[in-house]
Structures are given as C-alpha cells and as structure tokens.
C-alpha cells in the first residue's frame, strides 16, 4: 500500500494553508511551460464517469479582458447594494478581483452535454459534472501554489453575460474565472476576509451527524 512520510504530510498541510485566494499580483509574465505543467493537474483529477467535462478559455485579448472587468464592476456594484451598515462599509473596501493585474486569466466551464463518460454517474445527479470541474480546479490550484504562483477565484460575475461575451457553446456553464500570476506578498496566517472581520474560519474538522 502506498504511504507518505510524516514530513510529506506536514508539507501538504502547509501547502493547503498557502493556497490562499490571491488578488494582489506583481508585474511579470508566467512562463508558458510552467503554466502548462500546472494545468496538467486537470488530467490527474477525478471526474464523474471519466467525463472530464472541464473546458478552459484563456482570456487574452484586451477587448475581452475589458468586457470581463466591466462585468465584474457591474456585478460588484449590484452586490454592494445588497449590504448595509458595517457589512457595506467593509465590502466597499475589499479588493475582490485581480483582473487588472493578473497576467493569466482563465474562464473555466463545464460542458453539460459532453458525450464522454456516456452519462455514467451524471444521469441521476447531473451536477456531478460541475463538481468534477471544481475538483480539478483545486488540484490545479495546489499545483500552481506549489510552484509559487498565486490564484484568485472571481465569483462576482454575471455568468450569462460572460458566456455571451466569450462566445462559447450554449452547453458550457461557467464554473470559475481564475486570475493567475506571481503574488505580491506571501501571507498565509489567516484568510484576508478573516483579517478584516468579515467572517471567522472554523478552527477544526466539522462535526458529523450520525443517523
């Protein structure tokens, strides 16, 4: 049976701690070979029925990047309007996107109509395809962080508008918009949202309910 050393397990926990969502990036391109090596983590990820439903679009053109940024700004204004009091004040001061600085930006979709896998495991729970994409994103994220790269997941977006602006097939559904680059600083002691008082992370494993 394959086993791993205590030292490796300790390093793995450290990697999980350093996986923080990055929104502040330093100037500098990401080597194409390094990015390709990190993206290879997708091929190692599990997927329902071995369907591999992830579809990646690298957003490179200035025009498309501007559309993505405008999408975020509009969605962010709408989100801010939903808060009041202290939460609104804190929210207004948050940096929730690295889209203006990140050298690499990926829109990651799930192909809801993929024929690969012949529907195994997805006929009763079609959402499993999207869960598979999320699992692959996490594998990529850890690999990228192990190489020193930072990754930020932008979730304040209008997915329908984004799909339209990128002219992707109708069967593709947005799962993540990732900003990738070299982090401005390495600070893993606490999540940023915990530092500024937005929320508190649970310090231990979740409790299980027995039935």
N, C-alpha and C. Protein backbone atom coordinates (compact mmCIF):
# COMPACT_ATOMS: atom_id res chain seq x y z
N UNK A 1 0.85 -1.20 0.00
CA UNK A 1 0.00 0.00 0.00
C UNK A 1 0.88 1.24 0.00
N UNK A 2 0.56 2.19 -0.88
CA UNK A 2 1.35 3.42 -0.98
C UNK A 2 1.12 4.26 0.25
N UNK A 3 2.19 4.73 0.85
CA UNK A 3 2.08 5.61 2.01
C UNK A 3 3.04 6.79 1.83
N UNK A 4 2.81 7.82 2.61
CA UNK A 4 3.63 9.02 2.51
C UNK A 4 4.24 9.34 3.88
N UNK A 5 5.39 9.93 3.86
CA UNK A 5 6.12 10.19 5.10
C UNK A 5 5.44 11.29 5.91
N UNK A 6 5.68 11.31 7.24
CA UNK A 6 5.15 12.40 8.06
C UNK A 6 5.61 13.77 7.56
N UNK A 7 6.84 13.83 7.06
CA UNK A 7 7.34 15.11 6.55
C UNK A 7 6.52 15.57 5.34
N UNK A 8 6.20 14.63 4.46
CA UNK A 8 5.39 14.98 3.30
C UNK A 8 4.01 15.47 3.74
N UNK A 9 3.40 14.77 4.69
CA UNK A 9 2.07 15.15 5.17
C UNK A 9 2.09 16.55 5.77
N UNK A 10 3.15 16.87 6.50
CA UNK A 10 3.29 18.21 7.07
C UNK A 10 3.38 19.25 5.97
N UNK A 11 4.17 18.96 4.95
CA UNK A 11 4.30 19.87 3.82
C UNK A 11 2.98 20.05 3.08
N UNK A 12 2.21 18.97 2.97
CA UNK A 12 0.92 19.05 2.31
C UNK A 12 -0.02 19.99 3.06
N UNK A 13 -0.02 19.89 4.38
CA UNK A 13 -0.85 20.79 5.19
C UNK A 13 -0.41 22.23 5.00
N UNK A 14 0.91 22.45 4.94
CA UNK A 14 1.42 23.80 4.70
C UNK A 14 0.98 24.33 3.35
N UNK A 15 1.01 23.46 2.34
CA UNK A 15 0.57 23.86 1.01
C UNK A 15 -0.90 24.27 1.03
N UNK A 16 -1.72 23.52 1.77
CA UNK A 16 -3.14 23.87 1.87
C UNK A 16 -3.31 25.23 2.54
N UNK A 17 -2.48 25.52 3.53
CA UNK A 17 -2.55 26.82 4.20
C UNK A 17 -2.15 27.94 3.25
N UNK A 18 -1.17 27.68 2.40
CA UNK A 18 -0.65 28.71 1.49
C UNK A 18 -1.47 28.83 0.22
N UNK A 19 -2.56 28.08 0.12
CA UNK A 19 -3.40 28.12 -1.06
C UNK A 19 -4.24 29.40 -1.12
N UNK A 20 -4.08 30.30 -0.28
CA UNK A 20 -4.95 31.47 -0.17
C UNK A 20 -5.36 32.06 -1.51
N UNK A 21 -6.56 32.61 -1.53
CA UNK A 21 -7.09 33.31 -2.69
C UNK A 21 -6.27 34.59 -2.88
N UNK A 22 -5.60 34.72 -4.02
CA UNK A 22 -4.70 35.86 -4.27
C UNK A 22 -5.40 36.89 -5.15
N UNK A 23 -5.34 38.13 -4.73
CA UNK A 23 -5.93 39.21 -5.52
C UNK A 23 -4.93 40.33 -5.80
N UNK A 24 -3.75 40.23 -5.22
CA UNK A 24 -2.70 41.22 -5.44
C UNK A 24 -1.54 40.52 -6.15
N UNK A 25 -1.25 40.97 -7.37
CA UNK A 25 -0.22 40.32 -8.18
C UNK A 25 0.90 41.30 -8.52
N UNK A 26 2.12 40.77 -8.56
CA UNK A 26 3.27 41.54 -9.02
C UNK A 26 3.31 41.55 -10.54
N UNK A 27 3.95 42.56 -11.13
CA UNK A 27 4.15 42.55 -12.58
C UNK A 27 5.03 41.36 -12.96
N UNK A 28 4.83 40.84 -14.14
CA UNK A 28 5.67 39.72 -14.60
C UNK A 28 4.84 38.62 -15.21
N UNK A 29 5.30 38.16 -16.36
CA UNK A 29 4.58 37.10 -17.07
C UNK A 29 4.78 35.75 -16.40
N UNK A 30 3.90 34.83 -16.69
CA UNK A 30 4.02 33.44 -16.24
C UNK A 30 4.53 32.62 -17.42
N UNK A 31 5.62 31.91 -17.21
CA UNK A 31 6.20 31.09 -18.28
C UNK A 31 5.17 30.10 -18.82
N UNK A 32 5.10 30.00 -20.14
CA UNK A 32 4.11 29.13 -20.77
C UNK A 32 4.28 27.68 -20.37
N UNK A 33 5.53 27.23 -20.24
CA UNK A 33 5.80 25.86 -19.84
C UNK A 33 5.36 25.58 -18.43
N UNK A 34 5.58 26.55 -17.54
CA UNK A 34 5.16 26.39 -16.15
C UNK A 34 3.64 26.32 -16.06
N UNK A 35 2.97 27.19 -16.79
CA UNK A 35 1.50 27.17 -16.78
C UNK A 35 0.99 25.83 -17.30
N UNK A 36 1.60 25.33 -18.37
CA UNK A 36 1.19 24.05 -18.94
C UNK A 36 1.40 22.92 -17.93
N UNK A 37 2.51 22.95 -17.21
CA UNK A 37 2.77 21.91 -16.20
C UNK A 37 1.71 21.94 -15.10
N UNK A 38 1.32 23.14 -14.69
CA UNK A 38 0.30 23.27 -13.65
C UNK A 38 -1.06 22.79 -14.15
N UNK A 39 -1.37 23.12 -15.40
CA UNK A 39 -2.65 22.71 -15.95
C UNK A 39 -2.74 21.20 -16.14
N UNK A 40 -1.58 20.54 -16.16
CA UNK A 40 -1.59 19.08 -16.27
C UNK A 40 -2.28 18.43 -15.08
N UNK A 41 -2.45 19.19 -14.00
CA UNK A 41 -3.16 18.66 -12.83
C UNK A 41 -4.60 18.29 -13.18
N UNK A 42 -5.17 18.93 -14.20
CA UNK A 42 -6.52 18.58 -14.63
C UNK A 42 -6.58 17.11 -15.06
N UNK A 43 -5.54 16.67 -15.76
CA UNK A 43 -5.55 15.29 -16.26
C UNK A 43 -5.41 14.27 -15.15
N UNK A 44 -5.00 14.69 -13.97
CA UNK A 44 -4.87 13.79 -12.83
C UNK A 44 -6.11 13.81 -11.93
N UNK A 45 -7.06 14.66 -12.27
CA UNK A 45 -8.21 14.85 -11.39
C UNK A 45 -9.32 13.86 -11.69
N UNK A 46 -10.08 13.48 -10.66
CA UNK A 46 -11.22 12.59 -10.88
C UNK A 46 -12.36 13.33 -11.57
N UNK A 47 -13.16 12.62 -12.32
CA UNK A 47 -14.37 13.21 -12.91
C UNK A 47 -15.42 12.12 -13.02
N UNK A 48 -16.67 12.52 -12.86
CA UNK A 48 -17.76 11.55 -12.88
C UNK A 48 -17.79 10.83 -14.22
N UNK A 49 -17.77 9.50 -14.17
CA UNK A 49 -17.80 8.70 -15.39
C UNK A 49 -16.59 8.89 -16.28
N UNK A 50 -15.52 9.49 -15.74
CA UNK A 50 -14.34 9.85 -16.52
C UNK A 50 -14.74 10.76 -17.69
N UNK A 51 -15.66 11.65 -17.40
CA UNK A 51 -16.21 12.53 -18.44
C UNK A 51 -15.31 13.72 -18.76
N UNK A 52 -14.44 14.10 -17.80
CA UNK A 52 -13.54 15.23 -17.99
C UNK A 52 -14.27 16.42 -18.64
N UNK A 53 -15.29 16.95 -17.98
CA UNK A 53 -16.16 17.95 -18.61
C UNK A 53 -15.62 19.37 -18.59
N UNK A 54 -14.41 19.58 -18.07
CA UNK A 54 -13.86 20.93 -17.99
C UNK A 54 -13.48 21.45 -19.38
N UNK A 55 -13.77 22.72 -19.59
CA UNK A 55 -13.41 23.43 -20.81
C UNK A 55 -12.78 24.76 -20.41
N UNK A 56 -11.58 25.02 -20.91
CA UNK A 56 -10.81 26.18 -20.49
C UNK A 56 -10.69 27.20 -21.62
N UNK A 57 -10.90 28.46 -21.28
CA UNK A 57 -10.71 29.56 -22.23
C UNK A 57 -9.74 30.54 -21.59
N UNK A 58 -8.60 30.77 -22.25
CA UNK A 58 -7.67 31.78 -21.76
C UNK A 58 -8.08 33.13 -22.34
N UNK A 59 -8.37 34.07 -21.45
CA UNK A 59 -8.83 35.39 -21.88
C UNK A 59 -7.61 36.29 -22.03
N UNK A 60 -7.24 36.55 -23.27
CA UNK A 60 -6.00 37.27 -23.57
C UNK A 60 -6.21 38.63 -24.20
N UNK A 61 -7.17 38.74 -25.10
CA UNK A 61 -7.30 39.97 -25.87
C UNK A 61 -7.71 41.13 -24.97
N UNK A 62 -7.16 42.33 -25.21
CA UNK A 62 -7.55 43.49 -24.40
C UNK A 62 -9.05 43.74 -24.41
N UNK A 63 -9.68 43.53 -25.57
CA UNK A 63 -11.12 43.75 -25.66
C UNK A 63 -11.90 42.83 -24.76
N UNK A 64 -11.56 41.54 -24.77
CA UNK A 64 -12.27 40.59 -23.92
C UNK A 64 -11.96 40.81 -22.44
N UNK A 65 -10.72 41.17 -22.15
CA UNK A 65 -10.38 41.44 -20.75
C UNK A 65 -11.18 42.63 -20.22
N UNK A 66 -11.36 43.63 -21.06
CA UNK A 66 -12.14 44.78 -20.65
C UNK A 66 -13.60 44.39 -20.41
N UNK A 67 -14.14 43.51 -21.25
CA UNK A 67 -15.50 43.04 -21.06
C UNK A 67 -15.63 42.28 -19.73
N UNK A 68 -14.63 41.45 -19.42
CA UNK A 68 -14.67 40.70 -18.16
C UNK A 68 -14.61 41.65 -16.96
N UNK A 69 -13.75 42.66 -17.07
CA UNK A 69 -13.61 43.62 -15.98
C UNK A 69 -14.88 44.44 -15.81
N UNK A 70 -15.49 44.85 -16.91
CA UNK A 70 -16.76 45.59 -16.83
C UNK A 70 -17.85 44.73 -16.21
N UNK A 71 -17.85 43.45 -16.54
CA UNK A 71 -18.80 42.51 -15.96
C UNK A 71 -18.64 42.48 -14.45
N UNK A 72 -17.39 42.36 -14.01
CA UNK A 72 -17.12 42.32 -12.57
C UNK A 72 -17.57 43.61 -11.89
N UNK A 73 -17.22 44.75 -12.46
CA UNK A 73 -17.54 46.02 -11.82
C UNK A 73 -19.05 46.20 -11.69
N UNK A 74 -19.77 45.83 -12.73
CA UNK A 74 -21.23 45.94 -12.68
C UNK A 74 -21.82 45.00 -11.63
N UNK A 75 -21.34 43.77 -11.62
CA UNK A 75 -21.84 42.78 -10.65
C UNK A 75 -21.47 43.18 -9.23
N UNK A 76 -20.30 43.78 -9.08
CA UNK A 76 -19.84 44.19 -7.76
C UNK A 76 -20.70 45.33 -7.21
N UNK A 77 -21.10 46.25 -8.08
CA UNK A 77 -21.99 47.34 -7.64
C UNK A 77 -23.32 46.77 -7.17
N UNK A 78 -23.83 45.79 -7.91
CA UNK A 78 -25.10 45.17 -7.52
C UNK A 78 -24.97 44.45 -6.18
N UNK A 79 -23.83 43.77 -6.01
CA UNK A 79 -23.61 43.04 -4.75
C UNK A 79 -23.51 43.99 -3.57
N UNK A 80 -22.81 45.12 -3.75
CA UNK A 80 -22.67 46.10 -2.67
C UNK A 80 -24.02 46.64 -2.24
N UNK A 81 -24.92 46.81 -3.20
CA UNK A 81 -26.25 47.34 -2.89
C UNK A 81 -27.05 46.40 -1.98
N UNK A 82 -26.64 45.16 -1.90
CA UNK A 82 -27.34 44.20 -1.08
C UNK A 82 -26.91 44.20 0.38
N UNK A 83 -25.92 45.04 0.73
CA UNK A 83 -25.44 45.12 2.11
C UNK A 83 -25.75 46.49 2.69
N UNK A 84 -25.73 46.55 4.00
CA UNK A 84 -25.94 47.81 4.69
C UNK A 84 -25.09 47.85 5.96
N UNK A 85 -24.96 49.00 6.54
CA UNK A 85 -24.25 49.12 7.80
C UNK A 85 -22.78 48.76 7.69
N UNK A 86 -22.28 48.08 8.73
CA UNK A 86 -20.86 47.73 8.78
C UNK A 86 -20.45 46.81 7.63
N UNK A 87 -21.33 45.89 7.27
CA UNK A 87 -21.01 44.97 6.19
C UNK A 87 -20.80 45.73 4.88
N UNK A 88 -21.62 46.73 4.63
CA UNK A 88 -21.48 47.53 3.42
C UNK A 88 -20.16 48.29 3.43
N UNK A 89 -19.78 48.81 4.58
CA UNK A 89 -18.52 49.55 4.69
C UNK A 89 -17.33 48.64 4.43
N UNK A 90 -17.37 47.46 5.05
CA UNK A 90 -16.27 46.51 4.85
C UNK A 90 -16.22 46.05 3.40
N UNK A 91 -17.39 45.72 2.86
CA UNK A 91 -17.45 45.23 1.48
C UNK A 91 -16.87 46.25 0.51
N UNK A 92 -17.22 47.51 0.70
CA UNK A 92 -16.75 48.56 -0.21
C UNK A 92 -15.23 48.68 -0.23
N UNK A 93 -14.59 48.25 0.84
CA UNK A 93 -13.14 48.35 0.91
C UNK A 93 -12.40 47.10 0.48
N UNK A 94 -13.13 46.07 0.13
CA UNK A 94 -12.49 44.81 -0.26
C UNK A 94 -11.96 44.86 -1.69
N UNK A 95 -10.83 44.25 -1.90
CA UNK A 95 -10.34 44.02 -3.26
C UNK A 95 -10.75 42.61 -3.63
N UNK A 96 -11.73 42.49 -4.48
CA UNK A 96 -12.34 41.19 -4.76
C UNK A 96 -11.95 40.63 -6.12
N UNK A 97 -11.01 41.27 -6.79
CA UNK A 97 -10.58 40.79 -8.09
C UNK A 97 -9.17 41.27 -8.39
N UNK A 98 -8.39 40.39 -9.03
CA UNK A 98 -7.07 40.78 -9.51
C UNK A 98 -7.06 40.92 -11.02
N UNK A 99 -8.21 41.20 -11.59
CA UNK A 99 -8.36 41.17 -13.04
C UNK A 99 -7.57 42.26 -13.76
N UNK A 100 -7.24 43.34 -13.07
CA UNK A 100 -6.49 44.41 -13.71
C UNK A 100 -4.99 44.13 -13.72
N UNK A 101 -4.53 43.20 -12.87
CA UNK A 101 -3.10 42.95 -12.77
C UNK A 101 -2.68 41.56 -13.23
N UNK A 102 -3.53 40.56 -13.09
CA UNK A 102 -3.13 39.17 -13.31
C UNK A 102 -2.73 38.94 -14.77
N UNK A 103 -1.53 38.39 -15.01
CA UNK A 103 -1.09 38.16 -16.39
C UNK A 103 -1.84 37.02 -17.08
N UNK A 104 -2.34 36.06 -16.31
CA UNK A 104 -3.08 34.93 -16.87
C UNK A 104 -4.49 34.94 -16.31
N UNK A 105 -5.48 34.86 -17.20
CA UNK A 105 -6.87 34.80 -16.77
C UNK A 105 -7.56 33.68 -17.52
N UNK A 106 -8.19 32.78 -16.77
CA UNK A 106 -8.84 31.61 -17.34
C UNK A 106 -10.32 31.59 -16.96
N UNK A 107 -11.16 31.44 -17.95
CA UNK A 107 -12.58 31.16 -17.71
C UNK A 107 -12.75 29.65 -17.86
N UNK A 108 -13.24 29.01 -16.80
CA UNK A 108 -13.35 27.56 -16.79
C UNK A 108 -14.82 27.17 -16.76
N UNK A 109 -15.19 26.35 -17.72
CA UNK A 109 -16.58 25.96 -17.91
C UNK A 109 -16.76 24.47 -17.72
N UNK A 110 -18.01 24.09 -17.53
CA UNK A 110 -18.41 22.68 -17.53
C UNK A 110 -19.27 22.45 -18.77
N UNK A 111 -18.90 21.44 -19.55
CA UNK A 111 -19.70 21.07 -20.71
C UNK A 111 -20.81 20.13 -20.23
N UNK A 112 -22.00 20.67 -20.11
CA UNK A 112 -23.12 19.92 -19.55
C UNK A 112 -23.63 18.84 -20.50
N UNK A 113 -23.22 18.88 -21.76
CA UNK A 113 -23.72 17.91 -22.73
C UNK A 113 -22.61 17.03 -23.30
N UNK A 114 -21.49 16.95 -22.58
CA UNK A 114 -20.40 16.11 -23.08
C UNK A 114 -20.86 14.66 -23.25
N UNK A 115 -20.40 14.02 -24.31
CA UNK A 115 -20.72 12.62 -24.54
C UNK A 115 -19.71 11.70 -23.85
N UNK A 116 -18.57 12.28 -23.46
CA UNK A 116 -17.55 11.47 -22.80
C UNK A 116 -18.08 10.97 -21.46
N UNK A 117 -17.87 9.72 -21.18
CA UNK A 117 -18.36 9.12 -19.95
C UNK A 117 -19.73 8.50 -20.07
N UNK A 118 -20.39 8.73 -21.22
CA UNK A 118 -21.70 8.12 -21.51
C UNK A 118 -22.72 8.33 -20.39
N UNK A 119 -22.59 9.44 -19.68
CA UNK A 119 -23.57 9.78 -18.65
C UNK A 119 -23.44 9.01 -17.35
N UNK A 120 -22.40 8.19 -17.23
CA UNK A 120 -22.23 7.40 -16.00
C UNK A 120 -22.12 8.31 -14.78
N UNK A 121 -23.00 8.10 -13.80
CA UNK A 121 -22.98 8.88 -12.57
C UNK A 121 -23.58 10.25 -12.68
N UNK A 122 -23.93 10.67 -13.90
CA UNK A 122 -24.46 12.02 -14.09
C UNK A 122 -25.93 12.03 -14.49
N UNK A 123 -26.49 10.85 -14.76
CA UNK A 123 -27.90 10.81 -15.14
C UNK A 123 -28.81 11.11 -13.97
N UNK A 124 -28.45 10.62 -12.80
CA UNK A 124 -29.26 10.91 -11.62
C UNK A 124 -28.82 12.20 -10.95
N UNK A 125 -27.53 12.54 -11.06
CA UNK A 125 -27.02 13.78 -10.46
C UNK A 125 -26.16 14.51 -11.49
N UNK A 126 -26.78 15.22 -12.43
CA UNK A 126 -26.01 15.91 -13.48
C UNK A 126 -25.05 16.95 -12.93
N UNK A 127 -25.35 17.45 -11.72
CA UNK A 127 -24.44 18.44 -11.12
C UNK A 127 -23.06 17.86 -10.82
N UNK A 128 -22.95 16.52 -10.85
CA UNK A 128 -21.66 15.90 -10.60
C UNK A 128 -20.60 16.35 -11.62
N UNK A 129 -21.05 16.71 -12.82
CA UNK A 129 -20.08 17.20 -13.81
C UNK A 129 -19.43 18.49 -13.30
N UNK A 130 -20.25 19.38 -12.76
CA UNK A 130 -19.69 20.64 -12.26
C UNK A 130 -18.81 20.40 -11.04
N UNK A 131 -19.22 19.46 -10.19
CA UNK A 131 -18.38 19.13 -9.04
C UNK A 131 -17.02 18.60 -9.51
N UNK A 132 -17.04 17.86 -10.59
CA UNK A 132 -15.79 17.33 -11.15
C UNK A 132 -14.87 18.47 -11.59
N UNK A 133 -15.46 19.49 -12.19
CA UNK A 133 -14.66 20.64 -12.61
C UNK A 133 -14.05 21.35 -11.41
N UNK A 134 -14.84 21.50 -10.35
CA UNK A 134 -14.34 22.15 -9.14
C UNK A 134 -13.18 21.36 -8.55
N UNK A 135 -13.29 20.03 -8.53
CA UNK A 135 -12.22 19.19 -8.01
C UNK A 135 -10.94 19.40 -8.82
N UNK A 136 -11.07 19.48 -10.13
CA UNK A 136 -9.90 19.69 -10.99
C UNK A 136 -9.28 21.07 -10.76
N UNK A 137 -10.13 22.06 -10.53
CA UNK A 137 -9.62 23.41 -10.24
C UNK A 137 -8.78 23.39 -8.97
N UNK A 138 -9.24 22.68 -7.95
CA UNK A 138 -8.48 22.63 -6.71
C UNK A 138 -7.13 21.94 -6.91
N UNK A 139 -7.11 20.88 -7.71
CA UNK A 139 -5.84 20.20 -7.99
C UNK A 139 -4.87 21.16 -8.69
N UNK A 140 -5.40 21.89 -9.67
CA UNK A 140 -4.57 22.89 -10.37
C UNK A 140 -4.08 23.95 -9.40
N UNK A 141 -4.97 24.42 -8.53
CA UNK A 141 -4.64 25.49 -7.59
C UNK A 141 -3.48 25.07 -6.68
N UNK A 142 -3.54 23.87 -6.16
CA UNK A 142 -2.47 23.40 -5.28
C UNK A 142 -1.16 23.26 -6.04
N UNK A 143 -1.23 22.74 -7.27
CA UNK A 143 -0.01 22.61 -8.07
C UNK A 143 0.59 23.98 -8.37
N UNK A 144 -0.27 24.93 -8.73
CA UNK A 144 0.22 26.27 -9.02
C UNK A 144 0.86 26.90 -7.78
N UNK A 145 0.23 26.71 -6.64
CA UNK A 145 0.77 27.29 -5.40
C UNK A 145 2.10 26.65 -5.03
N UNK A 146 2.22 25.36 -5.29
CA UNK A 146 3.48 24.67 -5.01
C UNK A 146 4.62 25.24 -5.86
N UNK A 147 4.29 25.81 -7.00
CA UNK A 147 5.28 26.43 -7.88
C UNK A 147 5.50 27.90 -7.57
N UNK A 148 4.78 28.40 -6.56
CA UNK A 148 4.92 29.79 -6.18
C UNK A 148 3.92 30.73 -6.81
N UNK A 149 3.08 30.22 -7.69
CA UNK A 149 2.07 31.05 -8.34
C UNK A 149 0.89 31.29 -7.41
N UNK A 150 0.25 32.42 -7.59
CA UNK A 150 -0.97 32.72 -6.85
C UNK A 150 -2.18 32.57 -7.77
N UNK A 151 -3.29 32.18 -7.19
CA UNK A 151 -4.55 32.01 -7.94
C UNK A 151 -5.66 32.72 -7.18
N UNK A 152 -6.48 33.45 -7.93
CA UNK A 152 -7.64 34.10 -7.33
C UNK A 152 -8.90 33.74 -8.10
N UNK A 153 -9.93 33.35 -7.38
CA UNK A 153 -11.20 32.93 -7.99
C UNK A 153 -12.17 34.10 -7.92
N UNK A 154 -12.57 34.62 -9.07
CA UNK A 154 -13.51 35.74 -9.13
C UNK A 154 -14.92 35.18 -9.30
N UNK A 155 -15.76 35.39 -8.30
CA UNK A 155 -17.11 34.82 -8.36
C UNK A 155 -18.18 35.89 -8.51
N UNK A 156 -17.78 37.16 -8.48
CA UNK A 156 -18.77 38.24 -8.59
C UNK A 156 -18.87 38.64 -10.06
N UNK A 157 -19.59 37.82 -10.80
CA UNK A 157 -19.72 37.97 -12.24
C UNK A 157 -21.10 37.53 -12.69
N UNK A 158 -21.54 38.06 -13.80
CA UNK A 158 -22.77 37.60 -14.44
C UNK A 158 -22.37 36.49 -15.41
N UNK A 159 -22.65 35.23 -15.09
CA UNK A 159 -22.17 34.13 -15.93
C UNK A 159 -22.77 34.11 -17.32
N UNK A 160 -24.04 34.50 -17.44
CA UNK A 160 -24.69 34.50 -18.76
C UNK A 160 -24.03 35.54 -19.67
N UNK A 161 -23.79 36.71 -19.13
CA UNK A 161 -23.12 37.77 -19.90
C UNK A 161 -21.70 37.33 -20.28
N UNK A 162 -21.01 36.70 -19.35
CA UNK A 162 -19.65 36.25 -19.64
C UNK A 162 -19.63 35.21 -20.76
N UNK A 163 -20.54 34.25 -20.70
CA UNK A 163 -20.62 33.23 -21.75
C UNK A 163 -20.89 33.87 -23.10
N UNK A 164 -21.76 34.85 -23.09
CA UNK A 164 -22.09 35.53 -24.35
C UNK A 164 -20.89 36.31 -24.89
N UNK A 165 -20.20 37.01 -24.00
CA UNK A 165 -19.07 37.82 -24.44
C UNK A 165 -17.91 36.97 -24.96
N UNK A 166 -17.75 35.76 -24.43
CA UNK A 166 -16.68 34.89 -24.89
C UNK A 166 -17.13 33.95 -26.00
N UNK A 167 -18.39 34.03 -26.37
CA UNK A 167 -18.94 33.25 -27.49
C UNK A 167 -18.63 31.76 -27.38
N UNK A 168 -18.92 31.19 -26.21
CA UNK A 168 -18.71 29.76 -26.00
C UNK A 168 -20.00 29.01 -26.31
N UNK A 169 -19.93 27.69 -26.52
CA UNK A 169 -21.15 26.91 -26.81
C UNK A 169 -22.19 27.03 -25.70
N UNK A 170 -23.45 26.92 -26.09
CA UNK A 170 -24.55 27.06 -25.13
C UNK A 170 -24.52 25.99 -24.04
N UNK A 171 -23.95 24.84 -24.34
CA UNK A 171 -23.92 23.76 -23.35
C UNK A 171 -22.86 23.98 -22.27
N UNK A 172 -22.01 24.98 -22.44
CA UNK A 172 -20.98 25.27 -21.45
C UNK A 172 -21.55 26.18 -20.37
N UNK A 173 -21.27 25.85 -19.12
CA UNK A 173 -21.70 26.67 -17.99
C UNK A 173 -20.48 27.11 -17.19
N UNK A 174 -20.45 28.40 -16.87
CA UNK A 174 -19.30 28.93 -16.15
C UNK A 174 -19.20 28.33 -14.75
N UNK A 175 -18.02 27.87 -14.40
CA UNK A 175 -17.75 27.39 -13.05
C UNK A 175 -16.82 28.35 -12.32
N UNK A 176 -15.78 28.83 -13.01
CA UNK A 176 -14.81 29.69 -12.33
C UNK A 176 -14.15 30.64 -13.31
N UNK A 177 -13.80 31.81 -12.79
CA UNK A 177 -12.94 32.74 -13.51
C UNK A 177 -11.71 32.93 -12.63
N UNK A 178 -10.57 32.48 -13.12
CA UNK A 178 -9.35 32.47 -12.31
C UNK A 178 -8.35 33.51 -12.79
N UNK A 179 -7.79 34.25 -11.84
CA UNK A 179 -6.68 35.15 -12.10
C UNK A 179 -5.41 34.48 -11.56
N UNK A 180 -4.36 34.45 -12.37
CA UNK A 180 -3.16 33.70 -12.04
C UNK A 180 -1.93 34.56 -12.28
N UNK A 181 -1.00 34.54 -11.34
CA UNK A 181 0.24 35.30 -11.50
C UNK A 181 1.09 35.17 -10.25
N UNK A 182 2.11 36.00 -10.19
CA UNK A 182 3.02 35.97 -9.03
C UNK A 182 2.46 36.85 -7.93
N UNK A 183 2.22 36.30 -6.74
CA UNK A 183 1.61 37.08 -5.66
C UNK A 183 2.50 38.22 -5.19
N UNK A 184 1.86 39.32 -4.88
CA UNK A 184 2.59 40.49 -4.39
C UNK A 184 3.24 40.21 -3.05
N UNK A 185 2.59 39.38 -2.25
CA UNK A 185 3.16 39.01 -0.96
C UNK A 185 2.68 37.63 -0.58
N UNK A 186 3.43 36.97 0.26
CA UNK A 186 3.05 35.65 0.76
C UNK A 186 2.65 35.79 2.22
N UNK A 187 1.38 35.59 2.48
CA UNK A 187 0.85 35.79 3.82
C UNK A 187 -0.21 34.75 4.07
N UNK A 188 0.14 33.69 4.78
CA UNK A 188 -0.77 32.55 4.90
C UNK A 188 -1.32 32.34 6.30
N UNK A 189 -1.09 33.30 7.21
CA UNK A 189 -1.52 33.03 8.58
C UNK A 189 -3.04 32.99 8.72
N UNK A 190 -3.75 33.86 7.96
CA UNK A 190 -5.21 33.87 8.03
C UNK A 190 -5.78 34.28 6.68
N UNK A 191 -6.99 33.82 6.35
CA UNK A 191 -7.65 34.34 5.16
C UNK A 191 -7.88 35.85 5.29
N UNK A 192 -7.81 36.56 4.17
CA UNK A 192 -7.98 38.01 4.20
C UNK A 192 -9.32 38.41 4.80
N UNK A 193 -10.38 37.66 4.47
CA UNK A 193 -11.71 38.01 4.98
C UNK A 193 -11.79 37.87 6.50
N UNK A 194 -11.00 36.96 7.04
CA UNK A 194 -10.96 36.82 8.50
C UNK A 194 -10.19 37.97 9.13
N UNK A 195 -9.13 38.40 8.46
CA UNK A 195 -8.32 39.50 8.99
C UNK A 195 -9.11 40.79 9.12
N UNK A 196 -9.98 41.05 8.13
CA UNK A 196 -10.70 42.32 8.15
C UNK A 196 -12.04 42.21 8.88
N UNK A 197 -12.34 41.03 9.43
CA UNK A 197 -13.53 40.88 10.26
C UNK A 197 -14.81 40.55 9.53
N UNK A 198 -14.69 40.06 8.29
CA UNK A 198 -15.91 39.69 7.55
C UNK A 198 -16.53 38.42 8.10
N UNK A 199 -15.67 37.42 8.38
CA UNK A 199 -16.15 36.14 8.89
C UNK A 199 -15.00 35.43 9.57
N UNK A 200 -15.32 34.39 10.35
CA UNK A 200 -14.31 33.63 11.08
C UNK A 200 -14.28 32.20 10.56
N UNK A 201 -13.09 31.70 10.29
CA UNK A 201 -12.94 30.32 9.82
C UNK A 201 -13.07 29.34 10.98
N UNK A 202 -13.75 28.24 10.76
CA UNK A 202 -13.85 27.20 11.78
C UNK A 202 -12.47 26.61 12.02
N UNK A 203 -12.06 26.48 13.28
CA UNK A 203 -10.69 26.06 13.59
C UNK A 203 -10.47 24.55 13.59
N UNK A 204 -11.51 23.77 13.36
CA UNK A 204 -11.35 22.33 13.48
C UNK A 204 -12.21 21.60 12.45
N UNK A 205 -12.05 20.29 12.43
CA UNK A 205 -12.84 19.49 11.48
C UNK A 205 -14.32 19.64 11.80
N UNK A 206 -15.16 19.63 10.76
CA UNK A 206 -16.61 19.77 11.01
C UNK A 206 -17.17 18.57 11.79
N UNK A 207 -18.19 18.83 12.58
CA UNK A 207 -18.84 17.74 13.31
C UNK A 207 -19.68 16.91 12.34
N UNK A 208 -19.77 15.65 12.65
CA UNK A 208 -20.57 14.75 11.83
C UNK A 208 -21.84 14.37 12.59
N UNK A 209 -22.92 14.35 11.87
CA UNK A 209 -24.20 13.90 12.45
C UNK A 209 -24.40 12.43 12.11
N UNK A 210 -24.69 11.65 13.09
CA UNK A 210 -24.91 10.22 12.86
C UNK A 210 -26.39 9.93 12.72
N UNK A 211 -26.70 9.05 11.82
CA UNK A 211 -28.10 8.64 11.61
C UNK A 211 -28.21 7.11 11.64
